C-alpha atoms as a PDB file:
ATOM      1  CA  MET A   1       0.000   0.000   0.000  1.00  0.00           C
ATOM      2  CA  ASN A   2       1.073   3.551  -0.708  1.00  0.00           C
ATOM      3  CA  TRP A   3       0.419   6.843   1.028  1.00  0.00           C
ATOM      4  CA  TYR A   4      -0.949   9.919  -0.727  1.00  0.00           C
ATOM      5  CA  VAL A   5      -1.778  13.389   0.518  1.00  0.00           C
ATOM      6  CA  LEU A   6      -4.552  15.246  -1.259  1.00  0.00           C
ATOM      7  CA  LEU A   7      -4.384  19.005  -0.733  1.00  0.00           C
ATOM      8  CA  TYR A   8      -7.271  21.374  -1.436  1.00  0.00           C
ATOM      9  CA  ASP A   9      -7.404  25.153  -1.711  1.00  0.00           C
ATOM     10  CA  TYR A  10     -10.813  26.681  -0.979  1.00  0.00           C
ATOM     11  CA  VAL A  11     -12.689  29.757  -2.176  1.00  0.00           C
ATOM     12  CA  ALA A  12     -13.079  32.747   0.133  1.00  0.00           C
ATOM     13  CA  ASN A  13     -16.114  32.428   2.435  1.00  0.00           C
ATOM     14  CA  VAL A  14     -15.919  28.638   2.176  1.00  0.00           C
ATOM     15  CA  GLU A  15     -17.726  28.066   5.463  1.00  0.00           C
ATOM     16  CA  GLU A  16     -20.811  29.768   4.055  1.00  0.00           C
ATOM     17  CA  LEU A  17     -20.554  28.565   0.463  1.00  0.00           C
ATOM     18  CA  ARG A  18     -19.946  24.879   1.239  1.00  0.00           C
ATOM     19  CA  THR A  19     -23.146  24.457   3.282  1.00  0.00           C
ATOM     20  CA  PRO A  20     -25.361  23.052   0.478  1.00  0.00           C
ATOM     21  CA  PHE A  21     -22.683  20.499  -0.469  1.00  0.00           C
ATOM     22  CA  ARG A  22     -21.269  19.591   2.954  1.00  0.00           C
ATOM     23  CA  GLU A  23     -23.418  16.534   3.681  1.00  0.00           C
ATOM     24  CA  LYS A  24     -22.579  14.858   0.351  1.00  0.00           C
ATOM     25  CA  HIS A  25     -18.892  15.791   0.725  1.00  0.00           C
ATOM     26  CA  LEU A  26     -18.726  14.214   4.190  1.00  0.00           C
ATOM     27  CA  GLU A  27     -20.564  11.108   2.945  1.00  0.00           C
ATOM     28  CA  LEU A  28     -17.847  10.698   0.307  1.00  0.00           C
ATOM     29  CA  VAL A  29     -15.084  11.198   2.894  1.00  0.00           C
ATOM     30  CA  ASN A  30     -16.673   8.696   5.284  1.00  0.00           C
ATOM     31  CA  ARG A  31     -17.209   6.120   2.532  1.00  0.00           C
ATOM     32  CA  HIS A  32     -13.477   6.162   1.770  1.00  0.00           C
ATOM     33  CA  ALA A  33     -12.633   6.167   5.493  1.00  0.00           C
ATOM     34  CA  SER A  34     -14.834   3.125   6.128  1.00  0.00           C
ATOM     35  CA  LYS A  35     -12.849   1.259   3.440  1.00  0.00           C
ATOM     36  CA  GLY A  36      -9.583   2.262   5.126  1.00  0.00           C
ATOM     37  CA  GLN A  37      -8.591   4.410   2.147  1.00  0.00           C
ATOM     38  CA  ILE A  38      -8.735   7.734   4.011  1.00  0.00           C
ATOM     39  CA  THR A  39      -7.011   7.611   7.384  1.00  0.00           C
ATOM     40  CA  GLN A  40      -7.356  11.298   8.259  1.00  0.00           C
ATOM     41  CA  ALA A  41      -9.043  14.311   6.708  1.00  0.00           C
ATOM     42  CA  GLY A  42      -9.930  17.832   7.635  1.00  0.00           C
ATOM     43  CA  ALA A  43      -9.913  21.518   6.772  1.00  0.00           C
ATOM     44  CA  TRP A  44      -7.249  23.976   7.837  1.00  0.00           C
ATOM     45  CA  LYS A  45      -8.218  26.076  10.823  1.00  0.00           C
ATOM     46  CA  ASN A  46      -7.829  29.851  11.152  1.00  0.00           C
ATOM     47  CA  PRO A  47      -8.104  30.547   8.297  1.00  0.00           C
ATOM     48  CA  VAL A  48     -10.267  27.847   6.757  1.00  0.00           C
ATOM     49  CA  ASP A  49      -8.689  28.146   3.325  1.00  0.00           C
ATOM     50  CA  GLY A  50      -8.041  24.533   2.369  1.00  0.00           C
ATOM     51  CA  ALA A  51      -7.934  20.935   3.523  1.00  0.00           C
ATOM     52  CA  ALA A  52      -5.786  17.805   3.601  1.00  0.00           C
ATOM     53  CA  PHE A  53      -6.747  14.157   3.134  1.00  0.00           C
ATOM     54  CA  ILE A  54      -4.411  11.264   3.925  1.00  0.00           C
ATOM     55  CA  PHE A  55      -4.988   8.221   1.730  1.00  0.00           C
ATOM     56  CA  LYS A  56      -3.566   4.723   2.152  1.00  0.00           C
ATOM     57  CA  CYS A  57      -4.268   2.802  -1.028  1.00  0.00           C
ATOM     58  CA  ALA A  58      -2.745   0.811  -3.863  1.00  0.00           C
ATOM     59  CA  ASP A  59      -2.302   3.704  -6.282  1.00  0.00           C
ATOM     60  CA  ARG A  60      -3.234   7.301  -6.983  1.00  0.00           C
ATOM     61  CA  THR A  61      -6.410   6.382  -8.863  1.00  0.00           C
ATOM     62  CA  ILE A  62      -8.242   6.284  -5.511  1.00  0.00           C
ATOM     63  CA  PRO A  63      -7.560   9.917  -4.523  1.00  0.00           C
ATOM     64  CA  GLU A  64      -8.060  10.955  -8.155  1.00  0.00           C
ATOM     65  CA  SER A  65     -11.509   9.335  -8.223  1.00  0.00           C
ATOM     66  CA  PHE A  66     -12.291  10.990  -4.877  1.00  0.00           C
ATOM     67  CA  VAL A  67     -11.554  14.407  -6.387  1.00  0.00           C
ATOM     68  CA  GLN A  68     -13.681  13.686  -9.463  1.00  0.00           C
ATOM     69  CA  ALA A  69     -16.651  12.668  -7.272  1.00  0.00           C
ATOM     70  CA  ASP A  70     -16.354  15.423  -4.661  1.00  0.00           C
ATOM     71  CA  PRO A  71     -19.249  17.906  -4.693  1.00  0.00           C
ATOM     72  CA  TYR A  72     -16.859  20.583  -3.409  1.00  0.00           C
ATOM     73  CA  VAL A  73     -14.829  20.224  -6.609  1.00  0.00           C
ATOM     74  CA  GLU A  74     -17.895  19.917  -8.836  1.00  0.00           C
ATOM     75  CA  ASN A  75     -19.410  23.102  -7.395  1.00  0.00           C
ATOM     76  CA  GLY A  76     -16.360  25.358  -7.323  1.00  0.00           C
ATOM     77  CA  ILE A  77     -15.646  25.266  -3.574  1.00  0.00           C
ATOM     78  CA  VAL A  78     -12.183  23.848  -4.354  1.00  0.00           C
ATOM     79  CA  THR A  79     -10.098  26.291  -6.393  1.00  0.00           C
ATOM     80  CA  ALA A  80      -7.047  24.019  -6.762  1.00  0.00           C
ATOM     81  CA  TRP A  81      -5.984  20.535  -5.694  1.00  0.00           C
ATOM     82  CA  GLU A  82      -2.841  18.437  -5.715  1.00  0.00           C
ATOM     83  CA  ILE A  83      -2.045  14.801  -4.956  1.00  0.00           C
ATOM     84  CA  LYS A  84       1.412  14.009  -3.598  1.00  0.00           C
ATOM     85  CA  GLU A  85       2.807  10.543  -2.940  1.00  0.00           C
ATOM     86  CA  TRP A  86       4.083  10.475   0.633  1.00  0.00           C
ATOM     87  CA  THR A  87       6.842   8.453   2.319  1.00  0.00           C
ATOM     88  CA  VAL A  88       5.916   7.903   5.965  1.00  0.00           C
ATOM     89  CA  VAL A  89       8.992   7.508   8.170  1.00  0.00           C
ATOM     90  CA  ALA A  90       7.594   8.003  11.694  1.00  0.00           C
ATOM     91  CA  GLY A  91       4.389   7.388  13.590  1.00  0.00           C
ATOM     92  CA  SER A  92       2.037   4.541  14.312  1.00  0.00           C
ATOM     93  CA  THR A  93       1.413   3.904  10.608  1.00  0.00           C
ATOM     94  CA  VAL A  94       5.007   3.093   9.673  1.00  0.00           C
ATOM     95  CA  GLU A  95       5.309  -0.403   8.238  1.00  0.00           C
ATOM     96  CA  LYS A  96       8.349  -2.247   9.538  1.00  0.00           C
END
């Protein structure tokens, strides 16, 4: 399994603008989390101007498909996104 970090940049006033799409966005996040594909996810705090999602999966097609299905992306809440492959060297998730 590989690690990927998905980074989002959000529009200004995201907390207001995301409201109609939030439930479907969180359903998507939780669906991937229940499969063990997302291990952590959340928005930046103060300011809320983006988010990070940590994926553990076979390849980058999983985070790519997440982006394509995300109502935040579909509805312009996300202004930019990037997927980076990540080498984990410390923490409880390190495979020995």
